[in-house]
């Protein structure tokens, strides 16, 4: 997109309000889906009976490991949802970087200019 009167129209400024909207959209979804995944993990661990056969400390470590194993992919999935969300006046998009400008070719100093003798 071009510019009009010196204003860049290809993007919106990341103001506090816009950034807060994106952050909040990610936080509440992460809490909701993360909480559901945590509940599911707890139920599976409880029903499996594993926690009854290990120490309390090992159970805490296992619970933490299961929580992290669920939280990471859920957090990434929720972030993907945010990248596809319409925020009214804007959308968050991944835009490829422009390729770097080609370097100017160096002056060939090895081959002398035949006009100069």
N, C-alpha and C. Protein backbone atom coordinates (compact mmCIF):
# COMPACT_ATOMS: atom_id res chain seq x y z
N UNK A 1 0.84 -1.18 0.00
CA UNK A 1 0.00 0.00 0.00
C UNK A 1 0.88 1.23 0.00
N UNK A 2 0.35 2.30 -0.42
CA UNK A 2 1.14 3.51 -0.54
C UNK A 2 1.01 4.41 0.66
N UNK A 3 1.50 5.60 0.49
CA UNK A 3 1.40 6.58 1.56
C UNK A 3 0.59 7.77 1.07
N UNK A 4 -0.11 8.39 1.97
CA UNK A 4 -0.89 9.58 1.65
C UNK A 4 -0.49 10.66 2.64
N UNK A 5 -0.01 11.76 2.14
CA UNK A 5 0.41 12.89 2.98
C UNK A 5 1.42 12.46 4.02
N UNK A 6 2.33 11.55 3.66
CA UNK A 6 3.38 11.13 4.57
C UNK A 6 2.95 10.12 5.62
N UNK A 7 1.72 9.61 5.55
CA UNK A 7 1.23 8.63 6.52
C UNK A 7 1.32 7.24 5.90
N UNK A 8 1.98 6.32 6.58
CA UNK A 8 2.11 4.96 6.09
C UNK A 8 0.81 4.21 6.34
N UNK A 9 0.15 3.75 5.28
CA UNK A 9 -1.13 3.05 5.43
C UNK A 9 -0.98 1.55 5.35
N UNK A 10 0.25 1.03 5.33
CA UNK A 10 0.43 -0.41 5.22
C UNK A 10 0.31 -1.11 6.56
N UNK A 11 0.30 -0.38 7.65
CA UNK A 11 0.16 -0.99 8.96
C UNK A 11 -0.41 0.01 9.96
N UNK A 12 -0.94 -0.52 11.05
CA UNK A 12 -1.41 0.31 12.15
C UNK A 12 -0.36 0.29 13.25
N UNK A 13 -0.27 1.35 13.99
CA UNK A 13 0.68 1.41 15.09
C UNK A 13 0.24 0.44 16.20
N UNK A 14 1.18 -0.24 16.82
CA UNK A 14 0.83 -1.15 17.92
C UNK A 14 0.60 -0.37 19.22
N UNK A 15 -0.54 0.29 19.30
CA UNK A 15 -0.86 1.09 20.48
C UNK A 15 -1.12 0.19 21.68
N UNK A 16 -1.15 0.79 22.85
CA UNK A 16 -1.42 0.03 24.07
C UNK A 16 -2.78 -0.66 23.97
N UNK A 17 -3.79 0.06 23.49
CA UNK A 17 -5.15 -0.49 23.41
C UNK A 17 -5.20 -1.70 22.47
N UNK A 18 -4.59 -1.58 21.29
CA UNK A 18 -4.59 -2.70 20.34
C UNK A 18 -3.81 -3.89 20.89
N UNK A 19 -2.67 -3.61 21.48
CA UNK A 19 -1.85 -4.67 22.05
C UNK A 19 -2.58 -5.36 23.21
N UNK A 20 -3.27 -4.58 24.03
CA UNK A 20 -4.03 -5.15 25.15
C UNK A 20 -5.16 -6.04 24.64
N UNK A 21 -5.80 -5.66 23.54
CA UNK A 21 -6.88 -6.50 22.97
C UNK A 21 -6.33 -7.84 22.53
N UNK A 22 -5.18 -7.83 21.87
CA UNK A 22 -4.56 -9.09 21.42
C UNK A 22 -4.16 -9.92 22.63
N UNK A 23 -3.52 -9.28 23.61
CA UNK A 23 -3.07 -9.99 24.81
C UNK A 23 -4.26 -10.62 25.54
N UNK A 24 -5.33 -9.85 25.73
CA UNK A 24 -6.49 -10.36 26.45
C UNK A 24 -7.14 -11.51 25.70
N UNK A 25 -7.22 -11.42 24.37
CA UNK A 25 -7.79 -12.50 23.57
C UNK A 25 -6.99 -13.79 23.77
N UNK A 26 -5.67 -13.65 23.88
CA UNK A 26 -4.83 -14.83 24.10
C UNK A 26 -4.95 -15.34 25.54
N UNK A 27 -4.94 -14.44 26.51
CA UNK A 27 -4.95 -14.84 27.93
C UNK A 27 -6.21 -15.60 28.29
N UNK A 28 -7.40 -15.06 27.95
CA UNK A 28 -8.61 -15.76 28.41
C UNK A 28 -8.78 -17.09 27.70
N UNK A 29 -8.40 -17.17 26.43
CA UNK A 29 -8.50 -18.45 25.73
C UNK A 29 -7.50 -19.46 26.29
N UNK A 30 -6.30 -18.98 26.59
CA UNK A 30 -5.29 -19.87 27.17
C UNK A 30 -5.74 -20.39 28.53
N UNK A 31 -6.32 -19.51 29.34
CA UNK A 31 -6.80 -19.94 30.66
C UNK A 31 -7.94 -20.95 30.52
N UNK A 32 -8.87 -20.68 29.62
CA UNK A 32 -10.00 -21.58 29.43
C UNK A 32 -9.57 -22.95 28.91
N UNK A 33 -8.85 -22.95 27.80
CA UNK A 33 -8.44 -24.22 27.20
C UNK A 33 -7.35 -24.90 28.03
N UNK A 34 -6.46 -24.12 28.64
CA UNK A 34 -5.44 -24.69 29.52
C UNK A 34 -6.06 -25.32 30.76
N UNK A 35 -7.06 -24.64 31.32
CA UNK A 35 -7.75 -25.20 32.49
C UNK A 35 -8.47 -26.49 32.15
N UNK A 36 -9.11 -26.51 30.98
CA UNK A 36 -9.80 -27.73 30.55
C UNK A 36 -8.80 -28.86 30.33
N UNK A 37 -7.66 -28.55 29.73
CA UNK A 37 -6.63 -29.58 29.51
C UNK A 37 -6.06 -30.06 30.84
N UNK A 38 -5.85 -29.13 31.77
CA UNK A 38 -5.35 -29.51 33.09
C UNK A 38 -6.33 -30.41 33.83
N UNK A 39 -7.61 -30.09 33.75
CA UNK A 39 -8.64 -30.93 34.36
C UNK A 39 -8.64 -32.32 33.74
N UNK A 40 -8.55 -32.35 32.41
CA UNK A 40 -8.50 -33.63 31.70
C UNK A 40 -7.28 -34.45 32.14
N UNK A 41 -6.11 -33.79 32.22
CA UNK A 41 -4.90 -34.48 32.66
C UNK A 41 -5.02 -35.01 34.07
N UNK A 42 -5.63 -34.22 34.96
CA UNK A 42 -5.83 -34.66 36.35
C UNK A 42 -6.75 -35.86 36.43
N UNK A 43 -7.83 -35.84 35.65
CA UNK A 43 -8.77 -36.96 35.65
C UNK A 43 -8.08 -38.23 35.14
N UNK A 44 -7.31 -38.08 34.06
CA UNK A 44 -6.61 -39.25 33.50
C UNK A 44 -5.62 -39.80 34.52
N UNK A 45 -4.85 -38.92 35.17
CA UNK A 45 -3.90 -39.39 36.18
C UNK A 45 -4.61 -40.06 37.35
N UNK A 46 -5.73 -39.50 37.78
CA UNK A 46 -6.46 -40.07 38.91
C UNK A 46 -7.06 -41.42 38.55
N UNK A 47 -7.70 -41.50 37.39
CA UNK A 47 -8.33 -42.75 36.98
C UNK A 47 -7.32 -43.85 36.67
N UNK A 48 -6.14 -43.46 36.25
CA UNK A 48 -5.13 -44.46 35.90
C UNK A 48 -4.59 -45.17 37.13
N UNK A 49 -4.67 -44.54 38.28
CA UNK A 49 -4.16 -45.14 39.51
C UNK A 49 -2.66 -44.96 39.69
N UNK A 50 -2.03 -44.29 38.79
CA UNK A 50 -0.58 -44.09 38.88
C UNK A 50 -0.21 -43.36 40.16
N UNK A 51 -1.00 -42.35 40.51
CA UNK A 51 -0.67 -41.53 41.67
C UNK A 51 -0.72 -42.31 42.98
N UNK A 52 -1.46 -43.42 43.01
CA UNK A 52 -1.55 -44.23 44.23
C UNK A 52 -0.31 -45.09 44.43
N UNK A 53 0.47 -45.26 43.38
CA UNK A 53 1.63 -46.15 43.44
C UNK A 53 2.97 -45.43 43.47
N UNK A 54 2.92 -44.11 43.54
CA UNK A 54 4.17 -43.35 43.61
C UNK A 54 4.09 -42.39 44.79
N UNK A 55 5.25 -41.86 45.17
CA UNK A 55 5.29 -40.95 46.31
C UNK A 55 4.59 -39.62 45.97
N UNK A 56 4.32 -38.87 47.03
CA UNK A 56 3.66 -37.57 46.83
C UNK A 56 4.55 -36.64 45.99
N UNK A 57 5.85 -36.65 46.27
CA UNK A 57 6.78 -35.80 45.53
C UNK A 57 6.83 -36.21 44.05
N UNK A 58 6.86 -37.52 43.80
CA UNK A 58 6.88 -38.00 42.41
C UNK A 58 5.56 -37.66 41.71
N UNK A 59 4.46 -37.72 42.45
CA UNK A 59 3.16 -37.34 41.90
C UNK A 59 3.11 -35.88 41.51
N UNK A 60 3.72 -35.02 42.35
CA UNK A 60 3.78 -33.60 42.02
C UNK A 60 4.62 -33.37 40.77
N UNK A 61 5.75 -34.07 40.67
CA UNK A 61 6.62 -33.93 39.51
C UNK A 61 5.91 -34.43 38.25
N UNK A 62 5.20 -35.55 38.37
CA UNK A 62 4.46 -36.08 37.22
C UNK A 62 3.34 -35.12 36.81
N UNK A 63 2.64 -34.57 37.78
CA UNK A 63 1.59 -33.60 37.49
C UNK A 63 2.15 -32.37 36.77
N UNK A 64 3.31 -31.90 37.23
CA UNK A 64 3.95 -30.76 36.58
C UNK A 64 4.35 -31.10 35.15
N UNK A 65 4.92 -32.28 34.95
CA UNK A 65 5.34 -32.70 33.60
C UNK A 65 4.14 -32.81 32.66
N UNK A 66 3.05 -33.39 33.15
CA UNK A 66 1.84 -33.50 32.33
C UNK A 66 1.28 -32.11 32.03
N UNK A 67 1.30 -31.23 33.02
CA UNK A 67 0.81 -29.87 32.82
C UNK A 67 1.59 -29.13 31.75
N UNK A 68 2.91 -29.23 31.80
CA UNK A 68 3.75 -28.56 30.80
C UNK A 68 3.54 -29.20 29.43
N UNK A 69 3.45 -30.54 29.39
CA UNK A 69 3.25 -31.23 28.12
C UNK A 69 1.93 -30.84 27.47
N UNK A 70 0.94 -30.50 28.27
CA UNK A 70 -0.34 -30.05 27.72
C UNK A 70 -0.35 -28.54 27.44
N UNK A 71 0.29 -27.76 28.30
CA UNK A 71 0.23 -26.30 28.20
C UNK A 71 0.94 -25.77 26.95
N UNK A 72 2.06 -26.35 26.61
CA UNK A 72 2.83 -25.81 25.47
C UNK A 72 2.05 -25.93 24.16
N UNK A 73 1.59 -27.12 23.77
CA UNK A 73 0.86 -27.18 22.50
C UNK A 73 -0.48 -26.43 22.54
N UNK A 74 -1.13 -26.40 23.71
CA UNK A 74 -2.39 -25.65 23.82
C UNK A 74 -2.13 -24.16 23.66
N UNK A 75 -1.07 -23.65 24.29
CA UNK A 75 -0.72 -22.25 24.16
C UNK A 75 -0.40 -21.87 22.71
N UNK A 76 0.30 -22.73 22.01
CA UNK A 76 0.61 -22.47 20.60
C UNK A 76 -0.66 -22.51 19.77
N UNK A 77 -1.53 -23.47 20.03
CA UNK A 77 -2.79 -23.57 19.30
C UNK A 77 -3.66 -22.33 19.53
N UNK A 78 -3.72 -21.86 20.78
CA UNK A 78 -4.50 -20.66 21.08
C UNK A 78 -3.89 -19.45 20.37
N UNK A 79 -2.57 -19.37 20.31
CA UNK A 79 -1.93 -18.27 19.60
C UNK A 79 -2.28 -18.32 18.11
N UNK A 80 -2.36 -19.53 17.57
CA UNK A 80 -2.76 -19.68 16.17
C UNK A 80 -4.19 -19.15 15.97
N UNK A 81 -5.07 -19.42 16.91
CA UNK A 81 -6.44 -18.89 16.84
C UNK A 81 -6.40 -17.36 16.79
N UNK A 82 -5.55 -16.75 17.61
CA UNK A 82 -5.44 -15.29 17.65
C UNK A 82 -4.94 -14.75 16.32
N UNK A 83 -4.02 -15.46 15.68
CA UNK A 83 -3.51 -15.02 14.38
C UNK A 83 -4.58 -15.05 13.30
N UNK A 84 -5.64 -15.82 13.51
CA UNK A 84 -6.73 -15.92 12.53
C UNK A 84 -7.93 -15.05 12.91
N UNK A 85 -7.88 -14.41 14.08
CA UNK A 85 -9.02 -13.64 14.61
C UNK A 85 -9.13 -12.26 13.97
N UNK A 86 -10.36 -11.82 13.79
CA UNK A 86 -10.65 -10.47 13.32
C UNK A 86 -10.90 -9.60 14.54
N UNK A 87 -10.11 -8.55 14.73
CA UNK A 87 -10.25 -7.66 15.87
C UNK A 87 -11.03 -6.39 15.53
N UNK A 88 -11.86 -6.44 14.50
CA UNK A 88 -12.64 -5.27 14.12
C UNK A 88 -11.87 -4.38 13.18
N UNK A 89 -11.09 -3.47 13.74
CA UNK A 89 -10.34 -2.54 12.89
C UNK A 89 -9.04 -3.14 12.37
N UNK A 90 -8.65 -4.32 12.86
CA UNK A 90 -7.40 -4.92 12.41
C UNK A 90 -7.41 -6.43 12.58
N UNK A 91 -6.45 -7.06 11.96
CA UNK A 91 -6.16 -8.48 12.10
C UNK A 91 -4.67 -8.62 12.29
N UNK A 92 -4.24 -9.62 13.03
CA UNK A 92 -2.82 -9.89 13.18
C UNK A 92 -2.43 -10.82 12.04
N UNK A 93 -1.39 -10.46 11.29
CA UNK A 93 -0.99 -11.24 10.13
C UNK A 93 0.50 -11.47 10.14
N UNK A 94 0.90 -12.62 9.63
CA UNK A 94 2.31 -12.90 9.40
C UNK A 94 2.62 -12.44 7.98
N UNK A 95 3.57 -11.56 7.86
CA UNK A 95 3.91 -11.00 6.56
C UNK A 95 5.37 -11.33 6.27
N UNK A 96 5.64 -11.89 5.10
CA UNK A 96 7.05 -12.21 4.80
C UNK A 96 7.87 -10.93 4.70
N UNK A 97 9.11 -11.05 5.13
CA UNK A 97 10.02 -9.91 5.00
C UNK A 97 10.35 -9.71 3.54
N UNK A 98 10.59 -8.47 3.16
CA UNK A 98 11.03 -8.17 1.80
C UNK A 98 12.43 -8.72 1.63
N UNK A 99 12.73 -9.26 0.45
CA UNK A 99 14.09 -9.78 0.26
C UNK A 99 15.09 -8.63 0.34
N UNK A 100 16.30 -8.93 0.81
CA UNK A 100 17.28 -7.85 0.92
C UNK A 100 17.62 -7.31 -0.46
N UNK A 101 17.90 -6.02 -0.49
CA UNK A 101 18.28 -5.39 -1.76
C UNK A 101 19.60 -5.98 -2.22
N UNK A 102 19.74 -6.22 -3.52
CA UNK A 102 21.00 -6.78 -3.99
C UNK A 102 22.14 -5.79 -3.77
N UNK A 103 23.28 -6.33 -3.39
CA UNK A 103 24.45 -5.48 -3.16
C UNK A 103 24.94 -4.93 -4.50
N UNK A 104 25.38 -3.69 -4.50
CA UNK A 104 25.91 -3.16 -5.77
C UNK A 104 27.12 -3.97 -6.19
N UNK A 105 27.23 -4.20 -7.48
CA UNK A 105 28.35 -5.01 -7.95
C UNK A 105 29.64 -4.23 -7.77
N UNK A 106 30.68 -4.91 -7.30
CA UNK A 106 31.96 -4.22 -7.09
C UNK A 106 32.59 -3.83 -8.43
N UNK A 107 33.36 -2.79 -8.39
CA UNK A 107 34.07 -2.36 -9.60
C UNK A 107 35.15 -3.38 -9.90
N UNK A 108 35.18 -3.83 -11.12
CA UNK A 108 36.14 -4.85 -11.51
C UNK A 108 37.51 -4.20 -11.66
N UNK A 109 38.37 -4.40 -10.65
CA UNK A 109 39.69 -3.79 -10.68
C UNK A 109 40.73 -4.71 -11.30
N UNK A 110 40.38 -5.97 -11.54
CA UNK A 110 41.34 -6.91 -12.10
C UNK A 110 41.55 -6.66 -13.59
N UNK A 111 40.46 -6.44 -14.32
CA UNK A 111 40.57 -6.22 -15.75
C UNK A 111 40.77 -4.73 -16.00
N UNK A 112 41.91 -4.35 -16.55
CA UNK A 112 42.13 -2.90 -16.79
C UNK A 112 41.26 -2.42 -17.94
N UNK A 113 40.96 -1.16 -17.87
CA UNK A 113 40.16 -0.53 -18.92
C UNK A 113 41.03 -0.41 -20.17
N UNK A 114 40.60 -1.01 -21.33
CA UNK A 114 41.46 -0.99 -22.52
C UNK A 114 41.63 0.42 -23.09
N UNK A 115 40.79 1.37 -22.69
CA UNK A 115 40.91 2.71 -23.22
C UNK A 115 42.05 3.49 -22.55
N UNK A 116 42.48 2.96 -21.40
CA UNK A 116 43.54 3.66 -20.67
C UNK A 116 44.85 2.93 -20.94
N UNK A 117 45.85 3.62 -21.50
CA UNK A 117 47.17 3.05 -21.72
C UNK A 117 48.23 3.97 -21.22
